[in-house]
């Protein structure tokens, strides 16, 4: 029955599948756009969201950014900042194209990608990623050495009066029986 009802478990495989699928799409999209860069620059200029010079810069840089970010996303390397940048790019695409870009398409596919990027932004890359190696280095750092709580530190010793710092004479520590008035 555990194969049918699985409420508990690790999310690493699911995060890996999200990273592989969406990262591969992002990488392939960047490669396609970079292979014909002038056509992509013209597409960005046609949107008329930015000035022609800004459209040229964005159209030139974005394909190479998608290649780099898609590769990092697949590897699970610097996943939170990579996810944030890819989520911002997806959000800008959603705003530029709208929720339903063409007739007959129920919604913009970039909404799904945006949700996947936000998921990995907050959940991380999972155990199957290069981010795990960075986290292990942080955990292996030696903890700060603190003195035991029962031991007196130099500050505590210097704050106590001199009478308390010297031990009492040897004869005063012994307990004497109480003296009674009967003789």
C-alpha atoms as a PDB file:
ATOM      1  CA  UNK A   1       0.000   0.000   0.000  1.00  0.00           C
ATOM      2  CA  UNK A   2       2.918   2.352   0.514  1.00  0.00           C
ATOM      3  CA  UNK A   3       3.376   2.571  -3.266  1.00  0.00           C
ATOM      4  CA  UNK A   4      -0.167   3.940  -3.635  1.00  0.00           C
ATOM      5  CA  UNK A   5      -0.247   6.244  -0.623  1.00  0.00           C
ATOM      6  CA  UNK A   6       3.069   7.963  -0.187  1.00  0.00           C
ATOM      7  CA  UNK A   7       2.670  11.023   1.988  1.00  0.00           C
ATOM      8  CA  UNK A   8       6.193  10.875   3.354  1.00  0.00           C
ATOM      9  CA  UNK A   9       9.463  10.571   1.548  1.00  0.00           C
ATOM     10  CA  UNK A  10      12.248  12.591   0.114  1.00  0.00           C
ATOM     11  CA  UNK A  11      11.628  15.318  -2.385  1.00  0.00           C
ATOM     12  CA  UNK A  12      15.069  15.038  -3.982  1.00  0.00           C
ATOM     13  CA  UNK A  13      13.943  12.929  -6.944  1.00  0.00           C
ATOM     14  CA  UNK A  14      11.081  15.319  -7.694  1.00  0.00           C
ATOM     15  CA  UNK A  15      13.383  18.326  -7.506  1.00  0.00           C
ATOM     16  CA  UNK A  16      15.885  16.547  -9.750  1.00  0.00           C
ATOM     17  CA  UNK A  17      13.179  15.849 -12.347  1.00  0.00           C
ATOM     18  CA  UNK A  18      12.036  19.476 -12.245  1.00  0.00           C
ATOM     19  CA  UNK A  19      15.613  20.691 -12.651  1.00  0.00           C
ATOM     20  CA  UNK A  20      16.387  18.280 -15.495  1.00  0.00           C
ATOM     21  CA  UNK A  21      13.192  18.963 -17.460  1.00  0.00           C
ATOM     22  CA  UNK A  22      12.896  22.718 -17.056  1.00  0.00           C
ATOM     23  CA  UNK A  23      16.665  23.246 -17.156  1.00  0.00           C
ATOM     24  CA  UNK A  24      16.963  21.250 -20.388  1.00  0.00           C
ATOM     25  CA  UNK A  25      14.193  23.328 -21.954  1.00  0.00           C
ATOM     26  CA  UNK A  26      15.910  26.543 -20.841  1.00  0.00           C
ATOM     27  CA  UNK A  27      19.282  25.360 -22.157  1.00  0.00           C
ATOM     28  CA  UNK A  28      17.797  24.270 -25.514  1.00  0.00           C
ATOM     29  CA  UNK A  29      15.894  27.562 -25.823  1.00  0.00           C
ATOM     30  CA  UNK A  30      19.075  29.527 -25.190  1.00  0.00           C
ATOM     31  CA  UNK A  31      20.989  27.471 -27.768  1.00  0.00           C
ATOM     32  CA  UNK A  32      18.240  27.948 -30.374  1.00  0.00           C
ATOM     33  CA  UNK A  33      18.128  31.695 -29.760  1.00  0.00           C
ATOM     34  CA  UNK A  34      21.924  32.031 -29.794  1.00  0.00           C
ATOM     35  CA  UNK A  35      22.241  30.051 -33.035  1.00  0.00           C
ATOM     36  CA  UNK A  36      20.265  32.735 -34.874  1.00  0.00           C
ATOM     37  CA  UNK A  37      20.952  35.779 -32.752  1.00  0.00           C
ATOM     38  CA  UNK A  38      19.841  38.428 -35.248  1.00  0.00           C
ATOM     39  CA  UNK A  39      16.366  36.875 -35.583  1.00  0.00           C
ATOM     40  CA  UNK A  40      15.987  36.832 -31.816  1.00  0.00           C
ATOM     41  CA  UNK A  41      17.132  40.455 -31.511  1.00  0.00           C
ATOM     42  CA  UNK A  42      14.503  41.384 -34.128  1.00  0.00           C
ATOM     43  CA  UNK A  43      11.814  39.507 -32.133  1.00  0.00           C
ATOM     44  CA  UNK A  44      12.703  41.494 -29.015  1.00  0.00           C
ATOM     45  CA  UNK A  45      12.596  44.755 -31.008  1.00  0.00           C
ATOM     46  CA  UNK A  46       9.128  43.885 -32.422  1.00  0.00           C
ATOM     47  CA  UNK A  47       7.716  43.651 -28.891  1.00  0.00           C
ATOM     48  CA  UNK A  48       8.420  47.408 -28.547  1.00  0.00           C
ATOM     49  CA  UNK A  49       8.702  47.157 -24.771  1.00  0.00           C
ATOM     50  CA  UNK A  50      12.191  48.644 -24.700  1.00  0.00           C
ATOM     51  CA  UNK A  51      14.012  51.222 -26.792  1.00  0.00           C
ATOM     52  CA  UNK A  52      15.767  49.827 -29.900  1.00  0.00           C
ATOM     53  CA  UNK A  53      19.203  50.004 -28.261  1.00  0.00           C
ATOM     54  CA  UNK A  54      18.005  48.310 -25.070  1.00  0.00           C
ATOM     55  CA  UNK A  55      16.185  45.673 -27.128  1.00  0.00           C
ATOM     56  CA  UNK A  56      19.420  44.951 -28.973  1.00  0.00           C
ATOM     57  CA  UNK A  57      21.371  44.504 -25.729  1.00  0.00           C
ATOM     58  CA  UNK A  58      18.669  42.324 -24.147  1.00  0.00           C
ATOM     59  CA  UNK A  59      18.257  40.285 -27.322  1.00  0.00           C
ATOM     60  CA  UNK A  60      21.995  39.718 -27.502  1.00  0.00           C
ATOM     61  CA  UNK A  61      22.623  38.869 -23.831  1.00  0.00           C
ATOM     62  CA  UNK A  62      19.507  36.842 -22.975  1.00  0.00           C
ATOM     63  CA  UNK A  63      20.271  33.721 -25.084  1.00  0.00           C
ATOM     64  CA  UNK A  64      23.718  33.366 -23.544  1.00  0.00           C
ATOM     65  CA  UNK A  65      22.294  33.997 -20.088  1.00  0.00           C
ATOM     66  CA  UNK A  66      19.738  31.231 -20.698  1.00  0.00           C
ATOM     67  CA  UNK A  67      22.519  28.839 -21.716  1.00  0.00           C
ATOM     68  CA  UNK A  68      24.525  29.600 -18.571  1.00  0.00           C
ATOM     69  CA  UNK A  69      21.552  29.598 -16.199  1.00  0.00           C
ATOM     70  CA  UNK A  70      20.060  26.457 -17.757  1.00  0.00           C
ATOM     71  CA  UNK A  71      23.347  24.628 -17.278  1.00  0.00           C
ATOM     72  CA  UNK A  72      23.662  25.754 -13.659  1.00  0.00           C
ATOM     73  CA  UNK A  73      20.029  24.805 -13.023  1.00  0.00           C
ATOM     74  CA  UNK A  74      20.486  21.289 -14.418  1.00  0.00           C
ATOM     75  CA  UNK A  75      23.629  20.750 -12.332  1.00  0.00           C
ATOM     76  CA  UNK A  76      21.998  22.137  -9.199  1.00  0.00           C
ATOM     77  CA  UNK A  77      24.787  24.640  -8.699  1.00  0.00           C
ATOM     78  CA  UNK A  78      23.942  27.941  -6.974  1.00  0.00           C
ATOM     79  CA  UNK A  79      20.299  26.897  -7.268  1.00  0.00           C
ATOM     80  CA  UNK A  80      18.586  29.673  -5.264  1.00  0.00           C
ATOM     81  CA  UNK A  81      20.172  32.605  -7.161  1.00  0.00           C
ATOM     82  CA  UNK A  82      19.844  30.732 -10.470  1.00  0.00           C
ATOM     83  CA  UNK A  83      16.179  30.013  -9.750  1.00  0.00           C
ATOM     84  CA  UNK A  84      15.585  33.649  -8.861  1.00  0.00           C
ATOM     85  CA  UNK A  85      17.085  34.903 -12.125  1.00  0.00           C
ATOM     86  CA  UNK A  86      15.188  32.338 -14.201  1.00  0.00           C
ATOM     87  CA  UNK A  87      11.951  33.183 -12.365  1.00  0.00           C
ATOM     88  CA  UNK A  88      12.459  36.876 -13.173  1.00  0.00           C
ATOM     89  CA  UNK A  89      13.096  36.071 -16.843  1.00  0.00           C
ATOM     90  CA  UNK A  90       9.950  33.911 -16.922  1.00  0.00           C
ATOM     91  CA  UNK A  91       7.934  36.638 -15.234  1.00  0.00           C
ATOM     92  CA  UNK A  92       9.105  39.170 -17.812  1.00  0.00           C
ATOM     93  CA  UNK A  93       8.119  36.758 -20.601  1.00  0.00           C
ATOM     94  CA  UNK A  94       4.669  36.335 -19.021  1.00  0.00           C
ATOM     95  CA  UNK A  95       4.228  40.093 -18.788  1.00  0.00           C
ATOM     96  CA  UNK A  96       5.398  40.594 -22.396  1.00  0.00           C
ATOM     97  CA  UNK A  97       3.250  37.851 -23.954  1.00  0.00           C
ATOM     98  CA  UNK A  98       0.265  37.847 -21.629  1.00  0.00           C
ATOM     99  CA  UNK A  99      -1.504  34.944 -19.924  1.00  0.00           C
ATOM    100  CA  UNK A 100      -2.842  33.494 -23.180  1.00  0.00           C
ATOM    101  CA  UNK A 101      -0.391  34.348 -25.987  1.00  0.00           C
ATOM    102  CA  UNK A 102      -2.290  32.896 -28.981  1.00  0.00           C
ATOM    103  CA  UNK A 103      -5.796  31.738 -29.801  1.00  0.00           C
ATOM    104  CA  UNK A 104      -6.347  28.088 -28.972  1.00  0.00           C
ATOM    105  CA  UNK A 105      -3.612  27.982 -26.316  1.00  0.00           C
ATOM    106  CA  UNK A 106      -5.194  27.823 -22.848  1.00  0.00           C
ATOM    107  CA  UNK A 107      -2.348  29.626 -21.045  1.00  0.00           C
ATOM    108  CA  UNK A 108       1.238  30.728 -21.363  1.00  0.00           C
ATOM    109  CA  UNK A 109       3.676  27.828 -20.753  1.00  0.00           C
ATOM    110  CA  UNK A 110       6.018  30.227 -18.987  1.00  0.00           C
ATOM    111  CA  UNK A 111       3.613  30.194 -16.020  1.00  0.00           C
ATOM    112  CA  UNK A 112       4.523  26.540 -15.396  1.00  0.00           C
ATOM    113  CA  UNK A 113       8.225  27.335 -15.695  1.00  0.00           C
ATOM    114  CA  UNK A 114       7.829  30.276 -13.328  1.00  0.00           C
ATOM    115  CA  UNK A 115       6.193  28.018 -10.732  1.00  0.00           C
ATOM    116  CA  UNK A 116       8.979  25.440 -11.103  1.00  0.00           C
ATOM    117  CA  UNK A 117      11.647  28.113 -10.653  1.00  0.00           C
ATOM    118  CA  UNK A 118       9.913  29.519  -7.567  1.00  0.00           C
ATOM    119  CA  UNK A 119       9.612  25.982  -6.149  1.00  0.00           C
ATOM    120  CA  UNK A 120      13.344  25.364  -6.426  1.00  0.00           C
ATOM    121  CA  UNK A 121      14.031  28.868  -5.165  1.00  0.00           C
ATOM    122  CA  UNK A 122      12.439  27.985  -1.835  1.00  0.00           C
ATOM    123  CA  UNK A 123      12.990  24.199  -1.712  1.00  0.00           C
ATOM    124  CA  UNK A 124      16.561  24.188  -2.971  1.00  0.00           C
ATOM    125  CA  UNK A 125      18.106  21.734  -5.403  1.00  0.00           C
ATOM    126  CA  UNK A 126      17.683  18.602  -3.317  1.00  0.00           C
ATOM    127  CA  UNK A 127      20.276  16.034  -2.343  1.00  0.00           C
ATOM    128  CA  UNK A 128      21.215  15.152  -5.935  1.00  0.00           C
ATOM    129  CA  UNK A 129      22.995  18.390  -6.833  1.00  0.00           C
ATOM    130  CA  UNK A 130      26.273  20.247  -6.595  1.00  0.00           C
ATOM    131  CA  UNK A 131      24.807  22.493  -3.907  1.00  0.00           C
ATOM    132  CA  UNK A 132      25.173  19.560  -1.497  1.00  0.00           C
ATOM    133  CA  UNK A 133      28.955  19.851  -1.699  1.00  0.00           C
ATOM    134  CA  UNK A 134      28.780  23.536  -0.807  1.00  0.00           C
ATOM    135  CA  UNK A 135      26.513  22.795   2.166  1.00  0.00           C
ATOM    136  CA  UNK A 136      28.854  20.068   3.459  1.00  0.00           C
ATOM    137  CA  UNK A 137      31.768  22.498   3.473  1.00  0.00           C
ATOM    138  CA  UNK A 138      29.729  24.859   5.618  1.00  0.00           C
ATOM    139  CA  UNK A 139      28.817  22.071   8.052  1.00  0.00           C
ATOM    140  CA  UNK A 140      32.423  20.815   8.313  1.00  0.00           C
ATOM    141  CA  UNK A 141      33.665  24.156   9.581  1.00  0.00           C
ATOM    142  CA  UNK A 142      34.783  23.714  13.193  1.00  0.00           C
ATOM    143  CA  UNK A 143      32.358  25.165  15.707  1.00  0.00           C
ATOM    144  CA  UNK A 144      33.504  28.036  17.860  1.00  0.00           C
ATOM    145  CA  UNK A 145      35.149  26.713  21.002  1.00  0.00           C
ATOM    146  CA  UNK A 146      33.239  27.781  24.070  1.00  0.00           C
ATOM    147  CA  UNK A 147      34.428  27.109  27.604  1.00  0.00           C
ATOM    148  CA  UNK A 148      32.316  24.738  29.660  1.00  0.00           C
ATOM    149  CA  UNK A 149      29.542  26.512  31.501  1.00  0.00           C
ATOM    150  CA  UNK A 150      30.668  25.187  34.899  1.00  0.00           C
ATOM    151  CA  UNK A 151      34.242  26.457  34.554  1.00  0.00           C
ATOM    152  CA  UNK A 152      35.088  29.957  35.678  1.00  0.00           C
ATOM    153  CA  UNK A 153      36.396  32.163  32.939  1.00  0.00           C
ATOM    154  CA  UNK A 154      39.065  34.779  33.450  1.00  0.00           C
ATOM    155  CA  UNK A 155      36.404  37.473  33.511  1.00  0.00           C
ATOM    156  CA  UNK A 156      34.453  35.720  36.256  1.00  0.00           C
ATOM    157  CA  UNK A 157      37.605  35.174  38.332  1.00  0.00           C
ATOM    158  CA  UNK A 158      38.691  38.796  38.007  1.00  0.00           C
ATOM    159  CA  UNK A 159      35.224  40.023  39.041  1.00  0.00           C
ATOM    160  CA  UNK A 160      35.132  38.017  42.287  1.00  0.00           C
ATOM    161  CA  UNK A 161      36.583  39.664  45.406  1.00  0.00           C
ATOM    162  CA  UNK A 162      40.058  38.626  46.580  1.00  0.00           C
ATOM    163  CA  UNK A 163      38.700  37.026  49.761  1.00  0.00           C
ATOM    164  CA  UNK A 164      36.724  34.515  47.710  1.00  0.00           C
ATOM    165  CA  UNK A 165      39.680  33.678  45.467  1.00  0.00           C
ATOM    166  CA  UNK A 166      42.009  32.478  48.280  1.00  0.00           C
ATOM    167  CA  UNK A 167      41.197  29.183  49.952  1.00  0.00           C
ATOM    168  CA  UNK A 168      40.449  29.260  53.692  1.00  0.00           C
ATOM    169  CA  UNK A 169      43.091  28.035  56.155  1.00  0.00           C
ATOM    170  CA  UNK A 170      43.208  24.291  56.715  1.00  0.00           C
ATOM    171  CA  UNK A 171      41.852  24.309  60.275  1.00  0.00           C
ATOM    172  CA  UNK A 172      38.710  26.314  59.508  1.00  0.00           C
ATOM    173  CA  UNK A 173      37.183  23.821  57.095  1.00  0.00           C
ATOM    174  CA  UNK A 174      36.612  21.179  59.778  1.00  0.00           C
ATOM    175  CA  UNK A 175      33.187  21.025  61.369  1.00  0.00           C
ATOM    176  CA  UNK A 176      33.152  21.545  65.107  1.00  0.00           C
ATOM    177  CA  UNK A 177      30.411  20.015  67.285  1.00  0.00           C
ATOM    178  CA  UNK A 178      28.100  22.563  68.796  1.00  0.00           C
ATOM    179  CA  UNK A 179      29.021  23.592  72.312  1.00  0.00           C
ATOM    180  CA  UNK A 180      26.422  22.995  74.964  1.00  0.00           C
ATOM    181  CA  UNK A 181      26.165  24.766  78.271  1.00  0.00           C
ATOM    182  CA  UNK A 182      26.379  21.553  80.311  1.00  0.00           C
ATOM    183  CA  UNK A 183      29.764  20.894  81.569  1.00  0.00           C
END
